C-alpha atoms as a PDB file:
ATOM      1  CA  UNK A   1       0.000   0.000   0.000  1.00  0.00           C
ATOM      2  CA  UNK A   2       2.781   2.406   0.930  1.00  0.00           C
ATOM      3  CA  UNK A   3       4.438   1.709  -2.449  1.00  0.00           C
ATOM      4  CA  UNK A   4       1.251   2.646  -4.284  1.00  0.00           C
ATOM      5  CA  UNK A   5       0.953   5.850  -2.262  1.00  0.00           C
ATOM      6  CA  UNK A   6       4.567   6.777  -3.118  1.00  0.00           C
ATOM      7  CA  UNK A   7       3.916   6.138  -6.831  1.00  0.00           C
ATOM      8  CA  UNK A   8       0.776   8.286  -6.767  1.00  0.00           C
ATOM      9  CA  UNK A   9       2.718  11.070  -5.014  1.00  0.00           C
ATOM     10  CA  UNK A  10       5.411  10.985  -7.731  1.00  0.00           C
ATOM     11  CA  UNK A  11       2.769  11.171 -10.493  1.00  0.00           C
ATOM     12  CA  UNK A  12       1.123  14.137  -8.747  1.00  0.00           C
ATOM     13  CA  UNK A  13       4.462  15.936  -8.523  1.00  0.00           C
ATOM     14  CA  UNK A  14       5.058  15.440 -12.258  1.00  0.00           C
ATOM     15  CA  UNK A  15       1.601  16.804 -13.054  1.00  0.00           C
ATOM     16  CA  UNK A  16       2.163  19.869 -10.890  1.00  0.00           C
ATOM     17  CA  UNK A  17       5.547  20.503 -12.484  1.00  0.00           C
ATOM     18  CA  UNK A  18       4.047  20.189 -15.930  1.00  0.00           C
ATOM     19  CA  UNK A  19       1.333  22.731 -15.149  1.00  0.00           C
ATOM     20  CA  UNK A  20       3.920  25.160 -13.805  1.00  0.00           C
ATOM     21  CA  UNK A  21       5.769  25.116 -17.126  1.00  0.00           C
ATOM     22  CA  UNK A  22       2.703  24.939 -19.374  1.00  0.00           C
ATOM     23  CA  UNK A  23       2.370  27.570 -22.071  1.00  0.00           C
ATOM     24  CA  UNK A  24       0.265  30.511 -20.874  1.00  0.00           C
ATOM     25  CA  UNK A  25      -3.166  31.121 -22.384  1.00  0.00           C
ATOM     26  CA  UNK A  26      -3.688  33.700 -25.123  1.00  0.00           C
ATOM     27  CA  UNK A  27      -3.216  37.276 -23.990  1.00  0.00           C
ATOM     28  CA  UNK A  28      -3.531  40.646 -25.690  1.00  0.00           C
ATOM     29  CA  UNK A  29      -6.624  39.694 -27.694  1.00  0.00           C
ATOM     30  CA  UNK A  30      -8.924  42.403 -29.038  1.00  0.00           C
ATOM     31  CA  UNK A  31     -12.644  42.975 -28.479  1.00  0.00           C
ATOM     32  CA  UNK A  32     -15.330  44.484 -30.710  1.00  0.00           C
ATOM     33  CA  UNK A  33     -18.437  46.046 -29.162  1.00  0.00           C
ATOM     34  CA  UNK A  34     -21.014  46.728 -31.869  1.00  0.00           C
ATOM     35  CA  UNK A  35     -24.068  48.945 -31.483  1.00  0.00           C
ATOM     36  CA  UNK A  36     -26.936  49.140 -33.954  1.00  0.00           C
ATOM     37  CA  UNK A  37     -30.267  50.936 -33.752  1.00  0.00           C
ATOM     38  CA  UNK A  38     -31.528  48.666 -36.555  1.00  0.00           C
ATOM     39  CA  UNK A  39     -30.939  45.466 -34.592  1.00  0.00           C
ATOM     40  CA  UNK A  40     -30.608  41.945 -35.930  1.00  0.00           C
ATOM     41  CA  UNK A  41     -27.032  42.274 -37.202  1.00  0.00           C
ATOM     42  CA  UNK A  42     -24.930  39.187 -38.016  1.00  0.00           C
ATOM     43  CA  UNK A  43     -21.165  39.707 -37.843  1.00  0.00           C
ATOM     44  CA  UNK A  44     -18.606  37.743 -39.870  1.00  0.00           C
ATOM     45  CA  UNK A  45     -14.870  38.063 -39.166  1.00  0.00           C
ATOM     46  CA  UNK A  46     -12.486  36.594 -41.753  1.00  0.00           C
ATOM     47  CA  UNK A  47     -15.408  34.799 -43.369  1.00  0.00           C
ATOM     48  CA  UNK A  48     -16.622  33.106 -40.176  1.00  0.00           C
ATOM     49  CA  UNK A  49     -19.842  33.990 -38.384  1.00  0.00           C
ATOM     50  CA  UNK A  50     -18.767  35.284 -34.969  1.00  0.00           C
ATOM     51  CA  UNK A  51     -21.914  36.825 -33.477  1.00  0.00           C
ATOM     52  CA  UNK A  52     -25.644  37.293 -33.963  1.00  0.00           C
ATOM     53  CA  UNK A  53     -27.673  40.214 -32.646  1.00  0.00           C
ATOM     54  CA  UNK A  54     -31.317  39.490 -31.965  1.00  0.00           C
ATOM     55  CA  UNK A  55     -33.748  41.798 -33.786  1.00  0.00           C
ATOM     56  CA  UNK A  56     -34.853  43.120 -30.399  1.00  0.00           C
ATOM     57  CA  UNK A  57     -31.263  43.821 -29.263  1.00  0.00           C
ATOM     58  CA  UNK A  58     -29.028  46.752 -30.138  1.00  0.00           C
ATOM     59  CA  UNK A  59     -25.579  45.766 -28.883  1.00  0.00           C
ATOM     60  CA  UNK A  60     -23.278  42.761 -28.933  1.00  0.00           C
ATOM     61  CA  UNK A  61     -19.720  42.010 -27.796  1.00  0.00           C
ATOM     62  CA  UNK A  62     -17.196  39.824 -29.620  1.00  0.00           C
ATOM     63  CA  UNK A  63     -14.238  38.776 -27.458  1.00  0.00           C
ATOM     64  CA  UNK A  64     -11.067  36.881 -28.281  1.00  0.00           C
ATOM     65  CA  UNK A  65     -10.201  38.508 -31.619  1.00  0.00           C
ATOM     66  CA  UNK A  66      -6.585  38.090 -32.691  1.00  0.00           C
ATOM     67  CA  UNK A  67      -4.829  41.466 -33.028  1.00  0.00           C
ATOM     68  CA  UNK A  68      -4.109  42.696 -36.543  1.00  0.00           C
ATOM     69  CA  UNK A  69      -6.060  43.214 -39.758  1.00  0.00           C
ATOM     70  CA  UNK A  70      -9.331  41.350 -40.331  1.00  0.00           C
ATOM     71  CA  UNK A  71     -12.036  41.318 -42.970  1.00  0.00           C
ATOM     72  CA  UNK A  72     -15.368  42.282 -41.453  1.00  0.00           C
ATOM     73  CA  UNK A  73     -18.788  41.699 -42.988  1.00  0.00           C
ATOM     74  CA  UNK A  74     -22.042  42.748 -41.352  1.00  0.00           C
ATOM     75  CA  UNK A  75     -25.448  41.628 -42.621  1.00  0.00           C
ATOM     76  CA  UNK A  76     -29.053  41.692 -41.512  1.00  0.00           C
ATOM     77  CA  UNK A  77     -30.505  38.711 -39.634  1.00  0.00           C
ATOM     78  CA  UNK A  78     -31.364  36.932 -42.913  1.00  0.00           C
ATOM     79  CA  UNK A  79     -27.707  37.251 -44.029  1.00  0.00           C
ATOM     80  CA  UNK A  80     -29.044  38.279 -47.465  1.00  0.00           C
ATOM     81  CA  UNK A  81     -28.732  42.058 -47.035  1.00  0.00           C
ATOM     82  CA  UNK A  82     -25.135  43.183 -46.625  1.00  0.00           C
ATOM     83  CA  UNK A  83     -24.789  46.249 -44.429  1.00  0.00           C
ATOM     84  CA  UNK A  84     -21.041  46.737 -44.691  1.00  0.00           C
ATOM     85  CA  UNK A  85     -17.876  44.897 -45.688  1.00  0.00           C
ATOM     86  CA  UNK A  86     -14.269  45.979 -45.339  1.00  0.00           C
ATOM     87  CA  UNK A  87     -11.030  45.655 -43.383  1.00  0.00           C
ATOM     88  CA  UNK A  88     -10.485  46.684 -39.768  1.00  0.00           C
ATOM     89  CA  UNK A  89      -7.254  46.885 -37.750  1.00  0.00           C
ATOM     90  CA  UNK A  90      -7.445  45.912 -34.073  1.00  0.00           C
ATOM     91  CA  UNK A  91      -4.405  46.440 -31.818  1.00  0.00           C
ATOM     92  CA  UNK A  92      -3.592  43.906 -29.105  1.00  0.00           C
ATOM     93  CA  UNK A  93      -5.674  44.408 -25.969  1.00  0.00           C
ATOM     94  CA  UNK A  94      -7.871  47.051 -27.608  1.00  0.00           C
ATOM     95  CA  UNK A  95     -11.654  47.224 -27.195  1.00  0.00           C
ATOM     96  CA  UNK A  96     -13.126  48.771 -30.341  1.00  0.00           C
ATOM     97  CA  UNK A  97     -16.534  50.391 -30.012  1.00  0.00           C
ATOM     98  CA  UNK A  98     -18.423  50.653 -33.271  1.00  0.00           C
ATOM     99  CA  UNK A  99     -21.761  51.640 -34.755  1.00  0.00           C
ATOM    100  CA  UNK A 100     -23.274  49.675 -37.642  1.00  0.00           C
ATOM    101  CA  UNK A 101     -26.338  50.453 -39.712  1.00  0.00           C
ATOM    102  CA  UNK A 102     -27.289  49.460 -43.267  1.00  0.00           C
ATOM    103  CA  UNK A 103     -24.600  50.963 -45.504  1.00  0.00           C
ATOM    104  CA  UNK A 104     -22.418  52.323 -42.710  1.00  0.00           C
ATOM    105  CA  UNK A 105     -19.869  51.121 -40.150  1.00  0.00           C
ATOM    106  CA  UNK A 106     -17.734  53.340 -37.919  1.00  0.00           C
ATOM    107  CA  UNK A 107     -15.305  52.653 -35.078  1.00  0.00           C
ATOM    108  CA  UNK A 108     -15.713  55.763 -32.975  1.00  0.00           C
ATOM    109  CA  UNK A 109     -13.042  55.316 -30.318  1.00  0.00           C
ATOM    110  CA  UNK A 110      -9.326  55.444 -31.000  1.00  0.00           C
ATOM    111  CA  UNK A 111      -6.522  53.102 -29.889  1.00  0.00           C
ATOM    112  CA  UNK A 112      -4.838  55.962 -28.031  1.00  0.00           C
ATOM    113  CA  UNK A 113      -7.664  55.746 -25.467  1.00  0.00           C
ATOM    114  CA  UNK A 114      -5.985  52.607 -24.131  1.00  0.00           C
ATOM    115  CA  UNK A 115      -3.415  54.815 -22.447  1.00  0.00           C
ATOM    116  CA  UNK A 116      -6.060  56.921 -20.722  1.00  0.00           C
ATOM    117  CA  UNK A 117      -7.554  55.172 -17.707  1.00  0.00           C
ATOM    118  CA  UNK A 118     -10.770  56.677 -16.270  1.00  0.00           C
ATOM    119  CA  UNK A 119      -8.942  57.951 -13.193  1.00  0.00           C
ATOM    120  CA  UNK A 120      -6.158  59.518 -15.272  1.00  0.00           C
ATOM    121  CA  UNK A 121      -7.101  62.988 -16.599  1.00  0.00           C
ATOM    122  CA  UNK A 122      -6.276  63.616 -20.236  1.00  0.00           C
ATOM    123  CA  UNK A 123      -3.901  66.498 -21.014  1.00  0.00           C
ATOM    124  CA  UNK A 124      -5.637  69.717 -22.175  1.00  0.00           C
ATOM    125  CA  UNK A 125      -4.311  69.180 -25.696  1.00  0.00           C
ATOM    126  CA  UNK A 126      -6.506  66.058 -25.972  1.00  0.00           C
ATOM    127  CA  UNK A 127      -9.732  67.429 -24.448  1.00  0.00           C
ATOM    128  CA  UNK A 128     -12.698  69.149 -26.110  1.00  0.00           C
ATOM    129  CA  UNK A 129     -16.165  70.133 -24.931  1.00  0.00           C
ATOM    130  CA  UNK A 130     -19.752  69.397 -25.965  1.00  0.00           C
ATOM    131  CA  UNK A 131     -22.946  71.252 -25.112  1.00  0.00           C
ATOM    132  CA  UNK A 132     -26.227  69.540 -26.032  1.00  0.00           C
ATOM    133  CA  UNK A 133     -29.368  71.594 -26.632  1.00  0.00           C
ATOM    134  CA  UNK A 134     -32.959  70.648 -27.438  1.00  0.00           C
ATOM    135  CA  UNK A 135     -36.214  72.351 -28.416  1.00  0.00           C
ATOM    136  CA  UNK A 136     -38.242  69.539 -26.874  1.00  0.00           C
ATOM    137  CA  UNK A 137     -40.265  70.348 -23.758  1.00  0.00           C
ATOM    138  CA  UNK A 138     -39.968  66.675 -22.763  1.00  0.00           C
ATOM    139  CA  UNK A 139     -36.562  66.041 -21.131  1.00  0.00           C
ATOM    140  CA  UNK A 140     -34.374  63.616 -23.058  1.00  0.00           C
ATOM    141  CA  UNK A 141     -31.648  61.311 -21.756  1.00  0.00           C
ATOM    142  CA  UNK A 142     -28.301  61.920 -23.447  1.00  0.00           C
ATOM    143  CA  UNK A 143     -25.849  59.065 -23.992  1.00  0.00           C
ATOM    144  CA  UNK A 144     -22.329  59.541 -25.320  1.00  0.00           C
ATOM    145  CA  UNK A 145     -20.369  56.401 -26.181  1.00  0.00           C
ATOM    146  CA  UNK A 146     -23.113  54.332 -24.495  1.00  0.00           C
ATOM    147  CA  UNK A 147     -22.726  56.232 -21.185  1.00  0.00           C
ATOM    148  CA  UNK A 148     -25.690  58.176 -19.819  1.00  0.00           C
ATOM    149  CA  UNK A 149     -24.451  61.684 -19.012  1.00  0.00           C
ATOM    150  CA  UNK A 150     -27.596  63.620 -18.123  1.00  0.00           C
ATOM    151  CA  UNK A 151     -30.795  65.151 -19.435  1.00  0.00           C
ATOM    152  CA  UNK A 152     -31.557  67.976 -21.865  1.00  0.00           C
ATOM    153  CA  UNK A 153     -34.762  69.907 -22.566  1.00  0.00           C
ATOM    154  CA  UNK A 154     -35.886  73.196 -24.065  1.00  0.00           C
ATOM    155  CA  UNK A 155     -34.158  75.993 -22.152  1.00  0.00           C
ATOM    156  CA  UNK A 156     -32.094  73.503 -20.126  1.00  0.00           C
ATOM    157  CA  UNK A 157     -28.951  72.533 -22.066  1.00  0.00           C
ATOM    158  CA  UNK A 158     -26.576  69.813 -20.945  1.00  0.00           C
ATOM    159  CA  UNK A 159     -22.920  70.717 -20.544  1.00  0.00           C
ATOM    160  CA  UNK A 160     -20.410  71.759 -21.524  1.00  0.00           C
ATOM    161  CA  UNK A 161     -19.109  68.213 -21.054  1.00  0.00           C
ATOM    162  CA  UNK A 162     -15.398  67.485 -21.380  1.00  0.00           C
ATOM    163  CA  UNK A 163     -14.553  64.644 -23.775  1.00  0.00           C
ATOM    164  CA  UNK A 164     -11.453  63.204 -25.369  1.00  0.00           C
ATOM    165  CA  UNK A 165     -10.874  64.848 -28.748  1.00  0.00           C
ATOM    166  CA  UNK A 166     -12.073  62.716 -31.668  1.00  0.00           C
ATOM    167  CA  UNK A 167     -15.275  61.015 -32.756  1.00  0.00           C
ATOM    168  CA  UNK A 168     -17.973  60.041 -30.272  1.00  0.00           C
ATOM    169  CA  UNK A 169     -21.406  58.466 -30.640  1.00  0.00           C
ATOM    170  CA  UNK A 170     -24.266  60.550 -29.205  1.00  0.00           C
ATOM    171  CA  UNK A 171     -27.837  59.370 -28.642  1.00  0.00           C
ATOM    172  CA  UNK A 172     -30.883  61.204 -27.280  1.00  0.00           C
ATOM    173  CA  UNK A 173     -33.568  58.909 -25.842  1.00  0.00           C
ATOM    174  CA  UNK A 174     -37.088  59.542 -24.560  1.00  0.00           C
ATOM    175  CA  UNK A 175     -36.986  58.304 -20.924  1.00  0.00           C
ATOM    176  CA  UNK A 176     -40.713  57.582 -20.911  1.00  0.00           C
ATOM    177  CA  UNK A 177     -40.490  54.660 -23.327  1.00  0.00           C
ATOM    178  CA  UNK A 178     -36.801  54.308 -24.221  1.00  0.00           C
ATOM    179  CA  UNK A 179     -37.465  55.368 -27.819  1.00  0.00           C
ATOM    180  CA  UNK A 180     -34.577  56.815 -29.798  1.00  0.00           C
ATOM    181  CA  UNK A 181     -35.128  60.494 -30.601  1.00  0.00           C
ATOM    182  CA  UNK A 182     -31.956  61.126 -32.616  1.00  0.00           C
ATOM    183  CA  UNK A 183     -28.377  59.906 -32.806  1.00  0.00           C
ATOM    184  CA  UNK A 184     -25.146  60.377 -34.691  1.00  0.00           C
ATOM    185  CA  UNK A 185     -21.380  60.666 -34.620  1.00  0.00           C
ATOM    186  CA  UNK A 186     -19.891  63.944 -33.429  1.00  0.00           C
ATOM    187  CA  UNK A 187     -16.374  65.256 -33.964  1.00  0.00           C
ATOM    188  CA  UNK A 188     -14.873  66.904 -30.879  1.00  0.00           C
ATOM    189  CA  UNK A 189     -11.852  69.153 -31.385  1.00  0.00           C
ATOM    190  CA  UNK A 190      -9.207  69.904 -28.732  1.00  0.00           C
ATOM    191  CA  UNK A 191      -9.928  73.048 -26.727  1.00  0.00           C
ATOM    192  CA  UNK A 192     -13.148  73.825 -28.628  1.00  0.00           C
ATOM    193  CA  UNK A 193     -16.783  73.662 -27.531  1.00  0.00           C
ATOM    194  CA  UNK A 194     -19.107  71.856 -29.923  1.00  0.00           C
ATOM    195  CA  UNK A 195     -22.793  72.798 -29.696  1.00  0.00           C
ATOM    196  CA  UNK A 196     -25.161  69.996 -30.699  1.00  0.00           C
ATOM    197  CA  UNK A 197     -28.894  70.381 -31.247  1.00  0.00           C
ATOM    198  CA  UNK A 198     -31.018  67.294 -30.582  1.00  0.00           C
ATOM    199  CA  UNK A 199     -34.400  67.641 -32.291  1.00  0.00           C
ATOM    200  CA  UNK A 200     -37.094  64.980 -32.300  1.00  0.00           C
ATOM    201  CA  UNK A 201     -37.254  63.136 -35.610  1.00  0.00           C
ATOM    202  CA  UNK A 202     -34.328  65.052 -37.122  1.00  0.00           C
ATOM    203  CA  UNK A 203     -30.609  64.254 -37.502  1.00  0.00           C
ATOM    204  CA  UNK A 204     -28.223  65.789 -34.995  1.00  0.00           C
ATOM    205  CA  UNK A 205     -27.041  69.222 -36.081  1.00  0.00           C
ATOM    206  CA  UNK A 206     -24.407  71.744 -35.078  1.00  0.00           C
ATOM    207  CA  UNK A 207     -25.272  75.401 -35.747  1.00  0.00           C
ATOM    208  CA  UNK A 208     -21.659  76.521 -35.375  1.00  0.00           C
ATOM    209  CA  UNK A 209     -19.940  73.639 -37.203  1.00  0.00           C
ATOM    210  CA  UNK A 210     -22.218  71.635 -39.552  1.00  0.00           C
ATOM    211  CA  UNK A 211     -19.472  69.210 -40.576  1.00  0.00           C
ATOM    212  CA  UNK A 212     -18.986  68.165 -36.949  1.00  0.00           C
ATOM    213  CA  UNK A 213     -21.929  65.777 -37.258  1.00  0.00           C
ATOM    214  CA  UNK A 214     -21.877  62.736 -39.515  1.00  0.00           C
ATOM    215  CA  UNK A 215     -25.446  62.106 -40.757  1.00  0.00           C
ATOM    216  CA  UNK A 216     -26.963  58.759 -41.510  1.00  0.00           C
ATOM    217  CA  UNK A 217     -27.963  57.354 -38.108  1.00  0.00           C
END
């Protein structure tokens, strides 16, 4: 019996040693978070179906993407209508946040944001400002990059809010029923204040800088 116990102990030691020197799991993989007001998107990466969005859902997350260049194809839930197809570049460890609608796909955050942790203030040269206005008497919830930042209504603007310079995705939502009022990509410039008007049933607009808003959402 003691001999069997010694043999089992030796086997256990070999197994422990092997696990100590085993190759580590994959690290530095990229992630894609996709948002769509249309819903029902199917996402193919390098020709392989990687994720399906239910028609009642508006966001999905794809983890474990190898860093580097990939072909991306997005279709509707039938996979017969192609929304967008092209090449994307994902750095190691990066979480890309994107918006997809029929005929359009945009990654609206930049890889440089990896270096900026939430508790680490950005330098002034990388910060801009946004003020959101509305002519709607009903207060609207404002989301920027999927984060709820406050409410806006006629005579009660929101902001100025400080944001990292670059493109951001802005949505205005009716809090009574969660219905989308308007949405779009906005271009924030360092040191400048961008005024955005959120009007029910109309695309986002900027009275001071019309090209700061990308239509089509």
